[in-house]
Amino acid sequence: MDGCGMESAECRARMDERVTRLEVIVESQDQKLDEVLQLLHASKLGLGALKGLIYLGLAIVGAWAALKGVK
């Protein structure tokens, strides 16, 4: 008997099962993290676009106010 308390082949088989389950869990978490990173990237792009639209709006309002002030 070894440290597992059973025959060596059976111990190895159980360890292989545990490793396989852990690999499945890690793969699942990797996929979820990839989805979160994609969402964050999309949010960042959306925020950049929104910021650009705000600056464009401010520029238009500023130009309009300047023209109104000239007349």
C-alpha atoms as a PDB file:
ATOM      1  CA  MET A   1       0.000   0.000   0.000  1.00  0.00           C
ATOM      2  CA  ASP A   2       1.092   3.571  -0.608  1.00  0.00           C
ATOM      3  CA  GLY A   3       0.139   7.000   0.788  1.00  0.00           C
ATOM      4  CA  CYS A   4      -3.321   6.835  -0.796  1.00  0.00           C
ATOM      5  CA  GLY A   5      -4.275   3.816   1.265  1.00  0.00           C
ATOM      6  CA  MET A   6      -5.013   1.694  -1.805  1.00  0.00           C
ATOM      7  CA  GLU A   7      -3.253   0.018  -4.675  1.00  0.00           C
ATOM      8  CA  SER A   8      -0.987   2.296  -6.722  1.00  0.00           C
ATOM      9  CA  ALA A   9      -2.953   1.970  -9.989  1.00  0.00           C
ATOM     10  CA  GLU A  10      -6.235   2.779  -8.240  1.00  0.00           C
ATOM     11  CA  CYS A  11      -4.612   5.758  -6.507  1.00  0.00           C
ATOM     12  CA  ARG A  12      -3.267   7.040  -9.819  1.00  0.00           C
ATOM     13  CA  ALA A  13      -6.696   6.634 -11.423  1.00  0.00           C
ATOM     14  CA  ARG A  14      -8.367   8.667  -8.677  1.00  0.00           C
ATOM     15  CA  MET A  15      -5.711  11.362  -8.935  1.00  0.00           C
ATOM     16  CA  ASP A  16      -6.193  11.463 -12.718  1.00  0.00           C
ATOM     17  CA  GLU A  17      -9.945  11.917 -12.197  1.00  0.00           C
ATOM     18  CA  ARG A  18      -9.333  14.792  -9.798  1.00  0.00           C
ATOM     19  CA  VAL A  19      -6.874  16.441 -12.179  1.00  0.00           C
ATOM     20  CA  THR A  20      -9.358  16.072 -15.041  1.00  0.00           C
ATOM     21  CA  ARG A  21     -12.145  17.650 -12.962  1.00  0.00           C
ATOM     22  CA  LEU A  22      -9.859  20.532 -11.994  1.00  0.00           C
ATOM     23  CA  GLU A  23      -8.870  21.055 -15.628  1.00  0.00           C
ATOM     24  CA  VAL A  24     -12.561  21.236 -16.595  1.00  0.00           C
ATOM     25  CA  ILE A  25     -13.214  23.784 -13.836  1.00  0.00           C
ATOM     26  CA  VAL A  26     -10.215  25.892 -14.855  1.00  0.00           C
ATOM     27  CA  GLU A  27     -11.269  25.808 -18.516  1.00  0.00           C
ATOM     28  CA  SER A  28     -14.780  26.910 -17.565  1.00  0.00           C
ATOM     29  CA  GLN A  29     -13.409  29.788 -15.486  1.00  0.00           C
ATOM     30  CA  ASP A  30     -11.077  30.800 -18.322  1.00  0.00           C
ATOM     31  CA  GLN A  31     -14.054  31.013 -20.686  1.00  0.00           C
ATOM     32  CA  LYS A  32     -15.994  33.132 -18.191  1.00  0.00           C
ATOM     33  CA  LEU A  33     -13.022  35.442 -17.697  1.00  0.00           C
ATOM     34  CA  ASP A  34     -12.634  35.788 -21.468  1.00  0.00           C
ATOM     35  CA  GLU A  35     -16.305  36.830 -21.690  1.00  0.00           C
ATOM     36  CA  VAL A  36     -15.830  39.387 -18.904  1.00  0.00           C
ATOM     37  CA  LEU A  37     -12.723  40.779 -20.620  1.00  0.00           C
ATOM     38  CA  GLN A  38     -14.635  41.073 -23.901  1.00  0.00           C
ATOM     39  CA  LEU A  39     -17.437  42.929 -22.134  1.00  0.00           C
ATOM     40  CA  LEU A  40     -14.961  45.282 -20.464  1.00  0.00           C
ATOM     41  CA  HIS A  41     -13.267  45.948 -23.790  1.00  0.00           C
ATOM     42  CA  ALA A  42     -16.628  46.655 -25.453  1.00  0.00           C
ATOM     43  CA  SER A  43     -17.590  48.949 -22.571  1.00  0.00           C
ATOM     44  CA  LYS A  44     -14.304  50.801 -22.922  1.00  0.00           C
ATOM     45  CA  LEU A  45     -14.907  51.288 -26.653  1.00  0.00           C
ATOM     46  CA  GLY A  46     -18.473  52.427 -25.974  1.00  0.00           C
ATOM     47  CA  LEU A  47     -17.279  54.840 -23.322  1.00  0.00           C
ATOM     48  CA  GLY A  48     -14.711  56.258 -25.731  1.00  0.00           C
ATOM     49  CA  ALA A  49     -17.386  56.762 -28.380  1.00  0.00           C
ATOM     50  CA  LEU A  50     -19.718  58.407 -25.862  1.00  0.00           C
ATOM     51  CA  LYS A  51     -16.905  60.700 -24.721  1.00  0.00           C
ATOM     52  CA  GLY A  52     -16.263  61.661 -28.354  1.00  0.00           C
ATOM     53  CA  LEU A  53     -19.954  62.467 -28.879  1.00  0.00           C
ATOM     54  CA  ILE A  54     -19.989  64.612 -25.743  1.00  0.00           C
ATOM     55  CA  TYR A  55     -16.963  66.580 -26.962  1.00  0.00           C
ATOM     56  CA  LEU A  56     -18.590  66.987 -30.386  1.00  0.00           C
ATOM     57  CA  GLY A  57     -21.770  68.261 -28.739  1.00  0.00           C
ATOM     58  CA  LEU A  58     -19.786  70.705 -26.604  1.00  0.00           C
ATOM     59  CA  ALA A  59     -17.940  71.952 -29.679  1.00  0.00           C
ATOM     60  CA  ILE A  60     -21.231  72.500 -31.542  1.00  0.00           C
ATOM     61  CA  VAL A  61     -22.772  74.331 -28.579  1.00  0.00           C
ATOM     62  CA  GLY A  62     -19.614  76.424 -28.205  1.00  0.00           C
ATOM     63  CA  ALA A  63     -19.596  77.320 -31.897  1.00  0.00           C
ATOM     64  CA  TRP A  64     -23.303  78.163 -31.800  1.00  0.00           C
ATOM     65  CA  ALA A  65     -22.810  80.337 -28.691  1.00  0.00           C
ATOM     66  CA  ALA A  66     -19.869  82.107 -30.361  1.00  0.00           C
ATOM     67  CA  LEU A  67     -21.927  82.829 -33.501  1.00  0.00           C
ATOM     68  CA  LYS A  68     -24.866  84.066 -31.433  1.00  0.00           C
ATOM     69  CA  GLY A  69     -22.519  86.315 -29.485  1.00  0.00           C
ATOM     70  CA  VAL A  70     -21.058  87.821 -32.693  1.00  0.00           C
ATOM     71  CA  LYS A  71     -24.441  88.868 -34.095  1.00  0.00           C
END
